[in-house]
Every structure is written in C-alpha cells, then in structure tokens.
Amino acid sequence: MMKTITVWSLLSGLLLTTGAVFAQGSLQDRVNNILPSAEEDRFLEIDWRMDLLEARAEANADGKPMFMWMMNGHPFGAT
C-alpha cells in the first residue's frame, strides 16, 4: 500500500512539473535568471579580514568604521 502511494505521488509530481520545466525557454536563460548579477556580487570584491585585531588596526589607520559579520551556531543549521 505504501509503495503504491509513493509511486503515484512521484508520478503525479513528475507529470505536473514536466510541462513547466520546458515551457520556460532554454536552460541557459534559466541559469542566467538564477545566477547573481555583477551588481549583486559586489560584496565579493571586499577584502574581508579574519583577524579581528588586524582589521581594527587597519580600520583605525584608514579612519574607517569596522563592519563585523558574526553568527551564532553551525553554518548548516546543525545545532
């Protein structure tokens, strides 16, 4: 019984998504819509510092504020 439900669920999902996947255009168009633009990737140009004291000294020497990016917990949410 459980196998039958699983098979029908998978088949119905496949039938519902098959038309939508190919109706959107070429694969490259979809990839271009998903990937971030150059404007959205600007944060990658920042020279991030891992050493807090080094970053503080550099910010102080340049007269600039220091931005600290911190997190609590495991990066994959496995806490």
Protein backbone atom coordinates (compact mmCIF):
# COMPACT_ATOMS: atom_id res chain seq x y z
CA MET A 1 0.00 0.00 0.00
CA MET A 2 2.78 2.44 0.97
CA LYS A 3 4.72 1.67 -2.23
CA THR A 4 1.63 2.36 -4.31
CA ILE A 5 1.11 5.74 -2.66
CA THR A 6 4.77 6.62 -3.14
CA VAL A 7 4.75 5.63 -6.81
CA TRP A 8 1.56 7.59 -7.54
CA SER A 9 2.89 10.63 -5.69
CA LEU A 10 6.11 10.58 -7.68
CA LEU A 11 4.32 10.06 -10.98
CA SER A 12 1.82 12.84 -10.36
CA GLY A 13 4.63 15.21 -9.37
CA LEU A 14 6.56 14.29 -12.49
CA LEU A 15 3.54 14.87 -14.71
CA LEU A 16 2.84 18.26 -13.13
CA THR A 17 6.40 19.54 -13.45
CA THR A 18 7.35 18.17 -16.86
CA GLY A 19 5.44 20.81 -18.82
CA ALA A 20 6.59 23.71 -16.64
CA VAL A 21 10.27 22.89 -16.96
CA PHE A 22 10.36 23.02 -20.76
CA ALA A 23 7.89 25.89 -21.18
CA GLN A 24 10.29 28.44 -19.64
CA GLY A 25 12.78 28.55 -22.52
CA SER A 26 16.33 27.39 -22.83
CA LEU A 27 18.41 26.10 -19.97
CA GLN A 28 20.91 28.95 -20.37
CA ASP A 29 18.11 31.53 -19.93
CA ARG A 30 17.08 29.86 -16.68
CA VAL A 31 20.67 29.75 -15.45
CA ASN A 32 21.15 33.45 -16.27
CA ASN A 33 18.00 34.30 -14.29
CA ILE A 34 19.15 32.32 -11.25
CA LEU A 35 22.80 33.38 -11.03
CA PRO A 36 23.55 36.68 -9.27
CA SER A 37 24.37 39.69 -11.41
CA ALA A 38 27.67 41.58 -11.22
CA GLU A 39 25.91 44.20 -9.09
CA GLU A 40 24.75 41.53 -6.64
CA ASP A 41 28.26 40.03 -6.42
CA ARG A 42 29.97 43.30 -5.43
CA PHE A 43 30.45 42.12 -1.84
CA LEU A 44 32.99 39.57 -3.14
CA GLU A 45 35.33 42.46 -4.00
CA ILE A 46 35.68 43.43 -0.32
CA ASP A 47 38.97 42.40 1.30
CA TRP A 48 37.49 40.61 4.30
CA ARG A 49 39.76 40.17 7.34
CA MET A 50 39.77 37.11 9.56
CA ASP A 51 41.96 38.60 12.30
CA LEU A 52 39.92 40.99 14.45
CA LEU A 53 42.91 42.91 15.82
CA GLU A 54 44.43 43.32 12.36
CA ALA A 55 41.11 44.57 10.99
CA ARG A 56 40.72 47.01 13.88
CA ALA A 57 44.21 48.42 13.37
CA GLU A 58 43.66 48.80 9.61
CA ALA A 59 40.26 50.49 10.08
CA ASN A 60 41.75 52.84 12.66
CA ALA A 61 44.68 53.72 10.38
CA ASP A 62 42.33 54.43 7.46
CA GLY A 63 39.82 56.32 9.61
CA LYS A 64 37.04 53.98 8.51
CA PRO A 65 34.41 52.11 10.51
CA MET A 66 34.78 48.38 11.01
CA PHE A 67 31.97 46.06 9.96
CA MET A 68 31.79 42.81 11.92
CA TRP A 69 29.89 39.86 10.47
CA MET A 70 29.13 37.30 13.17
CA MET A 71 26.88 34.31 13.54
CA ASN A 72 25.74 32.01 16.27
CA GLY A 73 25.56 28.28 15.67
CA HIS A 74 26.61 25.87 12.99
CA PRO A 75 26.77 27.26 9.42
CA PHE A 76 24.50 24.48 8.15
CA GLY A 77 21.95 24.92 10.92
CA ALA A 78 23.02 21.71 12.67
CA THR A 79 22.90 22.99 16.23
